[in-house]
Amino acid sequence: MVGAELSVNIVFRDRWLLVVDKPAGTLTQGTEKERGIFEELQDKERYVGLHHRLDRPASGLVLFTVDRRANKGISARMQAHEIDRTYSAVLSGRCESGTWDQPVSRRTARSEVRVLDVSGGFSQVEVSLHTGRKHQIRVHAALNRTPVLGDRRYGAEAGRMWPRLALHARRLALKHPITGERLELESPIPDDLSELWQGS
């Protein structure tokens, strides 16, 4: 059983699935030199399946399986783009609602962008993923000349405008692979980004 000693907040857990709220700066999956959330969960659970990752500098919801019987259903929903993943971000510049569909790492990629507010030279947006390429939102935002604030890899000058990446995996919605129940989970904007969302 997952205990309070975990460094991440458990948002949802049942016999098959576990969703955590990953803080910025934490690895989803570790390396040879550093452990991540996946390894920490493996210490506590009999089984943990990893189906997607969240960039280290980003925060928000990450889904794991804790029973192998859920893997097939989750994998199928991922491949069919039936798991809704919505991100909140603050971009440098004026963004417009629409579709970002430039290739990412030479692979087809599609992100739907909805602008919530534009002020002070920044755009507050929600981004929904249709594909899950590595760094997809960050690359798309940079290609559209509205990089994510705090993005030190793709953001150029925007990378120095905020102490951390202003990207948060805010909402996760899916049909449960075993029970068929509709799950809709949300994570509030964390404290280290809250100033950017004031007044929104």
N, C-alpha and C. Protein backbone atom coordinates (compact mmCIF):
# COMPACT_ATOMS: atom_id res chain seq x y z
N MET A 1 0.84 -1.19 0.00
CA MET A 1 0.00 0.00 0.00
C MET A 1 0.88 1.25 0.00
N VAL A 2 0.53 2.24 -0.80
CA VAL A 2 1.28 3.47 -0.86
C VAL A 2 1.07 4.24 0.43
N GLY A 3 2.15 4.68 1.04
CA GLY A 3 2.05 5.38 2.31
C GLY A 3 2.31 6.86 2.18
N ALA A 4 2.18 7.56 3.29
CA ALA A 4 2.33 9.01 3.31
C ALA A 4 3.76 9.44 3.05
N GLU A 5 4.72 8.50 3.13
CA GLU A 5 6.12 8.86 2.94
C GLU A 5 6.46 9.15 1.48
N LEU A 6 5.54 8.85 0.56
CA LEU A 6 5.79 9.18 -0.83
C LEU A 6 5.96 10.68 -1.01
N SER A 7 6.86 11.07 -1.92
CA SER A 7 7.12 12.49 -2.14
C SER A 7 6.10 13.13 -3.07
N VAL A 8 5.14 12.36 -3.55
CA VAL A 8 4.11 12.91 -4.44
C VAL A 8 2.73 12.69 -3.84
N ASN A 9 1.82 13.53 -4.27
CA ASN A 9 0.44 13.46 -3.80
C ASN A 9 -0.35 12.45 -4.64
N ILE A 10 -1.03 11.52 -3.96
CA ILE A 10 -1.88 10.55 -4.65
C ILE A 10 -3.24 11.19 -4.91
N VAL A 11 -3.60 11.31 -6.17
CA VAL A 11 -4.87 11.93 -6.55
C VAL A 11 -5.98 10.89 -6.66
N PHE A 12 -5.62 9.70 -7.13
CA PHE A 12 -6.61 8.63 -7.30
C PHE A 12 -5.90 7.29 -7.16
N ARG A 13 -6.60 6.34 -6.51
CA ARG A 13 -6.06 4.98 -6.43
C ARG A 13 -7.19 4.00 -6.25
N ASP A 14 -7.14 2.92 -7.02
CA ASP A 14 -8.01 1.77 -6.76
C ASP A 14 -7.16 0.51 -6.97
N ARG A 15 -7.79 -0.63 -7.19
CA ARG A 15 -7.05 -1.88 -7.33
C ARG A 15 -6.22 -1.93 -8.60
N TRP A 16 -6.56 -1.10 -9.59
CA TRP A 16 -5.94 -1.20 -10.91
C TRP A 16 -5.11 0.01 -11.32
N LEU A 17 -5.53 1.18 -10.89
CA LEU A 17 -4.90 2.41 -11.37
C LEU A 17 -4.41 3.27 -10.21
N LEU A 18 -3.40 4.09 -10.50
CA LEU A 18 -2.91 5.05 -9.53
C LEU A 18 -2.50 6.31 -10.30
N VAL A 19 -2.98 7.45 -9.84
CA VAL A 19 -2.65 8.73 -10.46
C VAL A 19 -1.99 9.61 -9.41
N VAL A 20 -0.83 10.15 -9.76
CA VAL A 20 -0.10 11.01 -8.84
C VAL A 20 0.00 12.42 -9.41
N ASP A 21 0.23 13.37 -8.51
CA ASP A 21 0.43 14.76 -8.89
C ASP A 21 1.93 15.04 -8.78
N LYS A 22 2.62 15.00 -9.91
CA LYS A 22 4.08 15.12 -9.92
C LYS A 22 4.52 16.57 -9.72
N PRO A 23 5.40 16.83 -8.77
CA PRO A 23 5.93 18.19 -8.64
C PRO A 23 6.99 18.48 -9.71
N ALA A 24 7.14 19.74 -10.05
CA ALA A 24 8.18 20.13 -11.00
C ALA A 24 9.55 19.76 -10.44
N GLY A 25 10.45 19.33 -11.32
CA GLY A 25 11.80 18.98 -10.91
C GLY A 25 11.98 17.52 -10.57
N THR A 26 10.89 16.77 -10.54
CA THR A 26 10.94 15.34 -10.22
C THR A 26 10.87 14.53 -11.50
N LEU A 27 11.66 13.47 -11.60
CA LEU A 27 11.61 12.58 -12.75
C LEU A 27 10.42 11.64 -12.66
N THR A 28 9.73 11.43 -13.78
CA THR A 28 8.70 10.39 -13.82
C THR A 28 9.35 9.02 -13.69
N GLN A 29 10.37 8.79 -14.49
CA GLN A 29 11.14 7.55 -14.44
C GLN A 29 12.60 7.90 -14.24
N GLY A 30 13.25 7.19 -13.34
CA GLY A 30 14.61 7.53 -12.97
C GLY A 30 15.66 7.16 -13.99
N THR A 31 16.88 7.52 -13.67
CA THR A 31 18.06 7.20 -14.48
C THR A 31 19.01 6.39 -13.61
N GLU A 32 20.17 6.08 -14.14
CA GLU A 32 21.17 5.35 -13.36
C GLU A 32 21.62 6.16 -12.15
N LYS A 33 21.57 7.47 -12.25
CA LYS A 33 22.07 8.33 -11.19
C LYS A 33 20.99 8.85 -10.25
N GLU A 34 19.74 8.78 -10.67
CA GLU A 34 18.68 9.40 -9.88
C GLU A 34 17.38 8.64 -9.99
N ARG A 35 16.73 8.43 -8.86
CA ARG A 35 15.45 7.74 -8.85
C ARG A 35 14.31 8.69 -9.22
N GLY A 36 13.25 8.09 -9.73
CA GLY A 36 12.06 8.85 -10.08
C GLY A 36 10.85 8.32 -9.35
N ILE A 37 9.68 8.87 -9.70
CA ILE A 37 8.42 8.46 -9.08
C ILE A 37 8.16 6.97 -9.35
N PHE A 38 8.45 6.52 -10.57
CA PHE A 38 8.23 5.13 -10.92
C PHE A 38 8.95 4.18 -9.97
N GLU A 39 10.22 4.47 -9.70
CA GLU A 39 11.00 3.61 -8.81
C GLU A 39 10.50 3.70 -7.37
N GLU A 40 10.08 4.87 -6.97
CA GLU A 40 9.55 5.04 -5.62
C GLU A 40 8.27 4.23 -5.43
N LEU A 41 7.42 4.25 -6.46
CA LEU A 41 6.20 3.45 -6.40
C LEU A 41 6.50 1.96 -6.40
N GLN A 42 7.52 1.55 -7.15
CA GLN A 42 7.89 0.14 -7.19
C GLN A 42 8.29 -0.38 -5.81
N ASP A 43 8.84 0.50 -4.97
CA ASP A 43 9.21 0.10 -3.61
C ASP A 43 7.98 -0.19 -2.76
N LYS A 44 6.84 0.37 -3.14
CA LYS A 44 5.63 0.30 -2.31
C LYS A 44 4.57 -0.65 -2.86
N GLU A 45 4.63 -0.91 -4.16
CA GLU A 45 3.58 -1.70 -4.81
C GLU A 45 4.14 -3.04 -5.30
N ARG A 46 3.29 -4.03 -5.40
CA ARG A 46 3.70 -5.32 -5.96
C ARG A 46 3.99 -5.21 -7.44
N TYR A 47 3.26 -4.31 -8.11
CA TYR A 47 3.47 -4.11 -9.55
C TYR A 47 3.14 -2.65 -9.89
N VAL A 48 3.93 -2.07 -10.79
CA VAL A 48 3.65 -0.73 -11.30
C VAL A 48 3.92 -0.71 -12.80
N GLY A 49 2.95 -0.24 -13.56
CA GLY A 49 3.11 -0.09 -15.00
C GLY A 49 3.17 1.38 -15.37
N LEU A 50 4.12 1.74 -16.22
CA LEU A 50 4.30 3.12 -16.65
C LEU A 50 3.83 3.25 -18.09
N HIS A 51 2.87 4.16 -18.34
CA HIS A 51 2.27 4.27 -19.68
C HIS A 51 2.52 5.61 -20.35
N HIS A 52 2.90 6.61 -19.60
CA HIS A 52 3.29 7.89 -20.20
C HIS A 52 4.18 8.62 -19.21
N ARG A 53 4.86 9.64 -19.69
CA ARG A 53 5.79 10.40 -18.85
C ARG A 53 5.45 11.88 -18.92
N LEU A 54 5.92 12.59 -17.92
CA LEU A 54 5.78 14.03 -17.87
C LEU A 54 7.18 14.62 -17.73
N ASP A 55 7.49 15.62 -18.54
CA ASP A 55 8.82 16.22 -18.51
C ASP A 55 9.23 16.59 -17.09
N ARG A 56 10.50 16.44 -16.81
CA ARG A 56 11.00 16.75 -15.47
C ARG A 56 10.60 18.16 -14.99
N PRO A 57 10.78 19.22 -15.81
CA PRO A 57 10.45 20.56 -15.30
C PRO A 57 8.95 20.86 -15.25
N ALA A 58 8.13 19.99 -15.79
CA ALA A 58 6.67 20.18 -15.74
C ALA A 58 6.10 19.55 -14.47
N SER A 59 4.87 19.93 -14.15
CA SER A 59 4.18 19.36 -12.99
C SER A 59 2.83 18.82 -13.43
N GLY A 60 2.20 18.03 -12.54
CA GLY A 60 0.84 17.60 -12.81
C GLY A 60 0.62 16.10 -12.80
N LEU A 61 -0.48 15.69 -13.41
CA LEU A 61 -1.01 14.34 -13.28
C LEU A 61 -0.29 13.32 -14.16
N VAL A 62 0.08 12.20 -13.53
CA VAL A 62 0.70 11.08 -14.24
C VAL A 62 -0.03 9.80 -13.84
N LEU A 63 -0.38 9.00 -14.83
CA LEU A 63 -1.15 7.77 -14.64
C LEU A 63 -0.24 6.55 -14.63
N PHE A 64 -0.45 5.67 -13.65
CA PHE A 64 0.23 4.38 -13.58
C PHE A 64 -0.81 3.28 -13.43
N THR A 65 -0.45 2.05 -13.82
CA THR A 65 -1.28 0.89 -13.48
C THR A 65 -0.62 0.17 -12.31
N VAL A 66 -1.44 -0.42 -11.44
CA VAL A 66 -0.90 -1.19 -10.32
C VAL A 66 -1.43 -2.63 -10.36
N ASP A 67 -2.01 -3.01 -11.48
CA ASP A 67 -2.45 -4.37 -11.74
C ASP A 67 -2.27 -4.63 -13.23
N ARG A 68 -1.58 -5.70 -13.58
CA ARG A 68 -1.28 -5.99 -14.98
C ARG A 68 -2.53 -6.10 -15.83
N ARG A 69 -3.65 -6.48 -15.22
CA ARG A 69 -4.88 -6.66 -15.99
C ARG A 69 -5.39 -5.35 -16.57
N ALA A 70 -4.92 -4.22 -16.07
CA ALA A 70 -5.34 -2.92 -16.59
C ALA A 70 -4.48 -2.44 -17.76
N ASN A 71 -3.34 -3.11 -17.98
CA ASN A 71 -2.40 -2.62 -18.98
C ASN A 71 -2.96 -2.60 -20.40
N LYS A 72 -3.62 -3.66 -20.80
CA LYS A 72 -4.12 -3.76 -22.17
C LYS A 72 -5.11 -2.64 -22.46
N GLY A 73 -6.03 -2.41 -21.53
CA GLY A 73 -7.03 -1.38 -21.74
C GLY A 73 -6.44 0.02 -21.78
N ILE A 74 -5.48 0.30 -20.90
CA ILE A 74 -4.85 1.61 -20.89
C ILE A 74 -4.03 1.81 -22.15
N SER A 75 -3.27 0.79 -22.56
CA SER A 75 -2.47 0.91 -23.77
C SER A 75 -3.35 1.15 -24.99
N ALA A 76 -4.48 0.44 -25.07
CA ALA A 76 -5.39 0.62 -26.20
C ALA A 76 -5.98 2.02 -26.22
N ARG A 77 -6.33 2.55 -25.05
CA ARG A 77 -6.89 3.90 -25.00
C ARG A 77 -5.85 4.95 -25.34
N MET A 78 -4.61 4.72 -24.92
CA MET A 78 -3.53 5.63 -25.29
C MET A 78 -3.34 5.67 -26.81
N GLN A 79 -3.29 4.50 -27.43
CA GLN A 79 -3.06 4.42 -28.86
C GLN A 79 -4.22 5.00 -29.65
N ALA A 80 -5.44 4.87 -29.11
CA ALA A 80 -6.63 5.40 -29.78
C ALA A 80 -6.89 6.85 -29.42
N HIS A 81 -6.02 7.46 -28.61
CA HIS A 81 -6.16 8.86 -28.16
C HIS A 81 -7.48 9.06 -27.42
N GLU A 82 -7.84 8.08 -26.59
CA GLU A 82 -9.09 8.13 -25.83
C GLU A 82 -8.86 8.52 -24.37
N ILE A 83 -7.65 8.91 -24.03
CA ILE A 83 -7.36 9.44 -22.71
C ILE A 83 -7.11 10.93 -22.87
N ASP A 84 -8.00 11.73 -22.30
CA ASP A 84 -7.91 13.18 -22.46
C ASP A 84 -6.89 13.74 -21.48
N ARG A 85 -5.87 14.38 -22.01
CA ARG A 85 -4.85 15.01 -21.19
C ARG A 85 -4.83 16.50 -21.52
N THR A 86 -5.15 17.32 -20.54
CA THR A 86 -5.22 18.76 -20.75
C THR A 86 -4.18 19.44 -19.87
N TYR A 87 -3.42 20.33 -20.49
CA TYR A 87 -2.34 21.04 -19.82
C TYR A 87 -2.66 22.52 -19.75
N SER A 88 -2.26 23.15 -18.66
CA SER A 88 -2.30 24.60 -18.54
C SER A 88 -0.89 25.13 -18.76
N ALA A 89 -0.79 26.23 -19.49
CA ALA A 89 0.53 26.80 -19.78
C ALA A 89 0.42 28.31 -19.92
N VAL A 90 1.53 28.98 -19.66
CA VAL A 90 1.64 30.41 -19.95
C VAL A 90 2.73 30.58 -20.99
N LEU A 91 2.38 31.24 -22.09
CA LEU A 91 3.27 31.40 -23.22
C LEU A 91 3.73 32.85 -23.35
N SER A 92 4.89 33.03 -23.91
CA SER A 92 5.39 34.36 -24.21
C SER A 92 4.86 34.80 -25.56
N GLY A 93 4.16 35.92 -25.60
CA GLY A 93 3.60 36.41 -26.84
C GLY A 93 2.11 36.19 -26.93
N ARG A 94 1.55 36.63 -28.04
CA ARG A 94 0.11 36.53 -28.25
C ARG A 94 -0.21 35.26 -29.04
N CYS A 95 -0.94 34.39 -28.42
CA CYS A 95 -1.31 33.11 -29.04
C CYS A 95 -2.78 33.16 -29.45
N GLU A 96 -3.13 32.38 -30.44
CA GLU A 96 -4.52 32.26 -30.87
C GLU A 96 -4.98 30.82 -30.72
N SER A 97 -6.25 30.66 -30.40
CA SER A 97 -6.82 29.31 -30.30
C SER A 97 -6.75 28.61 -31.65
N GLY A 98 -6.54 27.31 -31.62
CA GLY A 98 -6.46 26.57 -32.88
C GLY A 98 -5.72 25.27 -32.71
N THR A 99 -5.19 24.76 -33.80
CA THR A 99 -4.49 23.47 -33.83
C THR A 99 -3.02 23.67 -34.17
N TRP A 100 -2.16 23.06 -33.38
CA TRP A 100 -0.74 22.97 -33.71
C TRP A 100 -0.50 21.57 -34.26
N ASP A 101 -0.03 21.48 -35.48
CA ASP A 101 0.14 20.15 -36.07
C ASP A 101 1.47 19.97 -36.79
N GLN A 102 2.47 20.77 -36.42
CA GLN A 102 3.79 20.56 -37.00
C GLN A 102 4.38 19.24 -36.48
N PRO A 103 5.15 18.54 -37.31
CA PRO A 103 5.80 17.30 -36.85
C PRO A 103 6.75 17.58 -35.69
N VAL A 104 6.85 16.64 -34.78
CA VAL A 104 7.79 16.70 -33.66
C VAL A 104 8.70 15.49 -33.77
N SER A 105 10.00 15.72 -33.85
CA SER A 105 10.98 14.65 -34.06
C SER A 105 10.61 13.81 -35.29
N ARG A 106 10.17 14.50 -36.34
CA ARG A 106 9.81 13.89 -37.63
C ARG A 106 8.60 12.98 -37.55
N ARG A 107 7.83 13.11 -36.49
CA ARG A 107 6.62 12.29 -36.34
C ARG A 107 5.40 13.21 -36.28
N THR A 108 4.28 12.69 -36.75
CA THR A 108 3.04 13.45 -36.72
C THR A 108 2.69 13.82 -35.28
N ALA A 109 2.30 15.06 -35.08
CA ALA A 109 1.95 15.54 -33.74
C ALA A 109 0.82 16.55 -33.86
N ARG A 110 -0.10 16.50 -32.90
CA ARG A 110 -1.24 17.42 -32.94
C ARG A 110 -1.63 17.85 -31.54
N SER A 111 -1.72 19.15 -31.36
CA SER A 111 -2.13 19.74 -30.08
C SER A 111 -3.25 20.74 -30.35
N GLU A 112 -4.29 20.70 -29.54
CA GLU A 112 -5.38 21.68 -29.64
C GLU A 112 -5.18 22.75 -28.57
N VAL A 113 -5.18 24.00 -28.98
CA VAL A 113 -4.89 25.11 -28.07
C VAL A 113 -6.13 25.97 -27.89
N ARG A 114 -6.44 26.26 -26.63
CA ARG A 114 -7.54 27.17 -26.32
C ARG A 114 -7.00 28.31 -25.46
N VAL A 115 -7.11 29.53 -25.97
CA VAL A 115 -6.60 30.69 -25.25
C VAL A 115 -7.61 31.12 -24.19
N LEU A 116 -7.13 31.27 -22.96
CA LEU A 116 -7.98 31.69 -21.86
C LEU A 116 -7.87 33.19 -21.60
N ASP A 117 -6.66 33.74 -21.79
CA ASP A 117 -6.44 35.15 -21.52
C ASP A 117 -5.15 35.60 -22.19
N VAL A 118 -5.14 36.83 -22.67
CA VAL A 118 -3.94 37.44 -23.23
C VAL A 118 -3.76 38.80 -22.57
N SER A 119 -2.65 38.99 -21.88
CA SER A 119 -2.38 40.28 -21.25
C SER A 119 -0.90 40.38 -20.91
N GLY A 120 -0.40 41.60 -20.91
CA GLY A 120 0.99 41.84 -20.52
C GLY A 120 2.01 41.12 -21.37
N GLY A 121 1.65 40.81 -22.62
CA GLY A 121 2.58 40.11 -23.50
C GLY A 121 2.63 38.61 -23.29
N PHE A 122 1.71 38.09 -22.47
CA PHE A 122 1.66 36.65 -22.20
C PHE A 122 0.28 36.09 -22.55
N SER A 123 0.25 34.81 -22.90
CA SER A 123 -1.01 34.10 -23.18
C SER A 123 -1.18 32.94 -22.22
N GLN A 124 -2.32 32.90 -21.54
CA GLN A 124 -2.67 31.76 -20.71
C GLN A 124 -3.51 30.81 -21.57
N VAL A 125 -3.10 29.56 -21.65
CA VAL A 125 -3.75 28.63 -22.56
C VAL A 125 -4.01 27.28 -21.89
N GLU A 126 -4.93 26.56 -22.50
CA GLU A 126 -5.12 25.13 -22.22
C GLU A 126 -4.77 24.38 -23.49
N VAL A 127 -4.00 23.32 -23.35
CA VAL A 127 -3.58 22.53 -24.50
C VAL A 127 -4.01 21.08 -24.28
N SER A 128 -4.72 20.53 -25.27
CA SER A 128 -5.13 19.12 -25.23
C SER A 128 -4.33 18.35 -26.26
N LEU A 129 -3.80 17.21 -25.84
CA LEU A 129 -2.95 16.40 -26.71
C LEU A 129 -3.76 15.37 -27.48
N HIS A 130 -3.51 15.29 -28.79
CA HIS A 130 -4.05 14.20 -29.60
C HIS A 130 -2.98 13.14 -29.83
N THR A 131 -1.73 13.55 -29.71
CA THR A 131 -0.60 12.63 -29.78
C THR A 131 0.28 12.91 -28.57
N GLY A 132 1.22 12.04 -28.30
CA GLY A 132 2.04 12.21 -27.11
C GLY A 132 3.53 12.14 -27.40
N ARG A 133 3.99 13.02 -28.27
CA ARG A 133 5.42 13.04 -28.60
C ARG A 133 6.23 13.68 -27.47
N LYS A 134 7.49 13.33 -27.39
CA LYS A 134 8.36 13.88 -26.37
C LYS A 134 8.46 15.40 -26.53
N HIS A 135 8.20 16.13 -25.44
CA HIS A 135 8.27 17.60 -25.40
C HIS A 135 7.31 18.25 -26.38
N GLN A 136 6.20 17.56 -26.73
CA GLN A 136 5.33 18.03 -27.80
C GLN A 136 4.85 19.46 -27.62
N ILE A 137 4.27 19.78 -26.46
CA ILE A 137 3.73 21.12 -26.25
C ILE A 137 4.84 22.16 -26.30
N ARG A 138 5.96 21.86 -25.70
CA ARG A 138 7.08 22.80 -25.66
C ARG A 138 7.61 23.07 -27.07
N VAL A 139 7.75 22.04 -27.87
CA VAL A 139 8.22 22.20 -29.24
C VAL A 139 7.20 22.97 -30.07
N HIS A 140 5.93 22.58 -29.98
CA HIS A 140 4.89 23.26 -30.74
C HIS A 140 4.82 24.74 -30.37
N ALA A 141 4.86 25.03 -29.09
CA ALA A 141 4.79 26.42 -28.65
C ALA A 141 5.94 27.23 -29.22
N ALA A 142 7.15 26.68 -29.18
CA ALA A 142 8.33 27.37 -29.70
C ALA A 142 8.23 27.55 -31.22
N LEU A 143 7.76 26.53 -31.94
CA LEU A 143 7.62 26.63 -33.39
C LEU A 143 6.61 27.70 -33.79
N ASN A 144 5.63 27.95 -32.92
CA ASN A 144 4.61 28.96 -33.19
C ASN A 144 4.98 30.32 -32.61
N ARG A 145 6.23 30.46 -32.21
CA ARG A 145 6.79 31.72 -31.73
C ARG A 145 6.10 32.23 -30.47
N THR A 146 5.58 31.30 -29.68
CA THR A 146 5.00 31.63 -28.37
C THR A 146 5.51 30.61 -27.36
N PRO A 147 6.82 30.60 -27.09
CA PRO A 147 7.37 29.55 -26.22
C PRO A 147 6.82 29.61 -24.81
N VAL A 148 6.88 28.47 -24.13
CA VAL A 148 6.42 28.38 -22.75
C VAL A 148 7.39 29.13 -21.85
N LEU A 149 6.84 29.95 -20.95
CA LEU A 149 7.70 30.65 -20.00
C LEU A 149 8.51 29.64 -19.18
N GLY A 150 9.76 29.97 -18.93
CA GLY A 150 10.62 29.10 -18.14
C GLY A 150 11.18 27.91 -18.88
N ASP A 151 10.94 27.83 -20.19
CA ASP A 151 11.46 26.69 -20.96
C ASP A 151 12.89 26.98 -21.39
N ARG A 152 13.83 26.44 -20.63
CA ARG A 152 15.24 26.71 -20.88
C ARG A 152 15.80 25.91 -22.05
N ARG A 153 15.05 24.96 -22.53
CA ARG A 153 15.53 24.15 -23.67
C ARG A 153 15.07 24.72 -25.01
N TYR A 154 13.81 25.12 -25.10
CA TYR A 154 13.25 25.57 -26.37
C TYR A 154 12.83 27.05 -26.37
N GLY A 155 12.85 27.66 -25.21
CA GLY A 155 12.21 28.97 -25.07
C GLY A 155 13.06 30.18 -25.32
N ALA A 156 14.39 30.02 -25.53
CA ALA A 156 15.28 31.17 -25.73
C ALA A 156 15.07 32.19 -24.61
N GLU A 157 14.76 33.43 -24.96
CA GLU A 157 14.59 34.47 -23.94
C GLU A 157 13.46 34.16 -22.97
N ALA A 158 12.39 33.51 -23.46
CA ALA A 158 11.27 33.15 -22.59
C ALA A 158 11.70 32.20 -21.48
N GLY A 159 12.78 31.46 -21.70
CA GLY A 159 13.28 30.54 -20.70
C GLY A 159 13.77 31.22 -19.44
N ARG A 160 14.08 32.51 -19.55
CA ARG A 160 14.57 33.26 -18.39
C ARG A 160 13.50 34.12 -17.75
N MET A 161 12.26 33.99 -18.22
CA MET A 161 11.19 34.84 -17.72
C MET A 161 10.46 34.29 -16.50
N TRP A 162 10.73 33.04 -16.15
CA TRP A 162 10.10 32.45 -14.97
C TRP A 162 11.02 31.37 -14.42
N PRO A 163 11.08 31.18 -13.10
CA PRO A 163 12.05 30.24 -12.50
C PRO A 163 11.86 28.78 -12.89
N ARG A 164 10.65 28.41 -13.31
CA ARG A 164 10.41 27.02 -13.71
C ARG A 164 9.53 27.00 -14.94
N LEU A 165 9.44 25.84 -15.56
CA LEU A 165 8.60 25.68 -16.75
C LEU A 165 7.13 25.91 -16.39
N ALA A 166 6.49 26.82 -17.09
CA ALA A 166 5.08 27.16 -16.81
C ALA A 166 4.15 26.23 -17.57
N LEU A 167 4.27 24.95 -17.27
CA LEU A 167 3.47 23.90 -17.91
C LEU A 167 3.01 22.92 -16.85
N HIS A 168 1.69 22.71 -16.77
CA HIS A 168 1.11 21.89 -15.71
C HIS A 168 0.06 20.97 -16.29
N ALA A 169 0.22 19.65 -16.08
CA ALA A 169 -0.76 18.66 -16.54
C ALA A 169 -1.96 18.71 -15.60
N ARG A 170 -2.96 19.48 -15.98
CA ARG A 170 -4.02 19.85 -15.05
C ARG A 170 -5.20 18.86 -15.00
N ARG A 171 -5.48 18.21 -16.13
CA ARG A 171 -6.67 17.37 -16.17
C ARG A 171 -6.38 16.05 -16.89
N LEU A 172 -6.96 14.98 -16.35
CA LEU A 172 -6.84 13.65 -16.93
C LEU A 172 -8.23 13.01 -16.91
N ALA A 173 -8.72 12.62 -18.06
CA ALA A 173 -10.05 12.02 -18.14
C ALA A 173 -9.99 10.77 -19.00
N LEU A 174 -10.61 9.70 -18.52
CA LEU A 174 -10.59 8.44 -19.24
C LEU A 174 -11.70 7.52 -18.76
N LYS A 175 -12.00 6.54 -19.59
CA LYS A 175 -12.90 5.46 -19.20
C LYS A 175 -12.06 4.38 -18.54
N HIS A 176 -12.43 4.01 -17.33
CA HIS A 176 -11.66 3.02 -16.57
C HIS A 176 -11.59 1.71 -17.36
N PRO A 177 -10.38 1.14 -17.53
CA PRO A 177 -10.22 -0.05 -18.37
C PRO A 177 -10.89 -1.30 -17.82
N ILE A 178 -11.18 -1.34 -16.53
CA ILE A 178 -11.79 -2.53 -15.93
C ILE A 178 -13.26 -2.28 -15.58
N THR A 179 -13.56 -1.21 -14.88
CA THR A 179 -14.93 -0.96 -14.40
C THR A 179 -15.80 -0.24 -15.41
N GLY A 180 -15.18 0.43 -16.38
CA GLY A 180 -15.94 1.22 -17.35
C GLY A 180 -16.36 2.58 -16.83
N GLU A 181 -16.04 2.88 -15.57
CA GLU A 181 -16.40 4.16 -14.98
C GLU A 181 -15.63 5.29 -15.67
N ARG A 182 -16.29 6.44 -15.80
CA ARG A 182 -15.64 7.62 -16.35
C ARG A 182 -14.89 8.34 -15.24
N LEU A 183 -13.58 8.47 -15.39
CA LEU A 183 -12.75 9.15 -14.40
C LEU A 183 -12.37 10.52 -14.94
N GLU A 184 -12.59 11.55 -14.13
CA GLU A 184 -12.18 12.91 -14.48
C GLU A 184 -11.44 13.48 -13.29
N LEU A 185 -10.13 13.62 -13.43
CA LEU A 185 -9.27 14.03 -12.33
C LEU A 185 -8.62 15.37 -12.66
N GLU A 186 -8.45 16.20 -11.64
CA GLU A 186 -7.84 17.51 -11.85
C GLU A 186 -6.80 17.80 -10.78
N SER A 187 -5.82 18.59 -11.16
CA SER A 187 -4.78 19.05 -10.24
C SER A 187 -4.77 20.58 -10.26
N PRO A 188 -4.85 21.22 -9.11
CA PRO A 188 -4.83 22.68 -9.10
C PRO A 188 -3.47 23.23 -9.53
N ILE A 189 -3.47 24.47 -9.99
CA ILE A 189 -2.22 25.12 -10.33
C ILE A 189 -1.35 25.19 -9.08
N PRO A 190 -0.09 24.72 -9.14
CA PRO A 190 0.77 24.71 -7.94
C PRO A 190 1.20 26.12 -7.54
N ASP A 191 1.63 26.23 -6.30
CA ASP A 191 2.00 27.53 -5.74
C ASP A 191 3.07 28.24 -6.55
N ASP A 192 4.04 27.49 -7.09
CA ASP A 192 5.14 28.14 -7.80
C ASP A 192 4.76 28.63 -9.20
N LEU A 193 3.48 28.44 -9.58
CA LEU A 193 2.96 29.00 -10.83
C LEU A 193 1.76 29.91 -10.60
N SER A 194 1.26 29.95 -9.38
CA SER A 194 -0.02 30.62 -9.12
C SER A 194 -0.02 32.10 -9.49
N GLU A 195 1.12 32.78 -9.32
CA GLU A 195 1.16 34.21 -9.66
C GLU A 195 0.86 34.45 -11.13
N LEU A 196 1.25 33.52 -11.99
CA LEU A 196 1.01 33.67 -13.42
C LEU A 196 -0.47 33.56 -13.76
N TRP A 197 -1.22 32.88 -12.89
CA TRP A 197 -2.65 32.67 -13.17
C TRP A 197 -3.55 33.63 -12.39
N GLN A 198 -2.97 34.53 -11.64
CA GLN A 198 -3.79 35.48 -10.89
C GLN A 198 -4.60 36.33 -11.85
N GLY A 199 -5.88 36.43 -11.52
CA GLY A 199 -6.78 37.23 -12.35
C GLY A 199 -7.35 36.49 -13.54
N SER A 200 -6.98 35.20 -13.69
CA SER A 200 -7.52 34.45 -14.81
C SER A 200 -8.81 33.76 -14.41
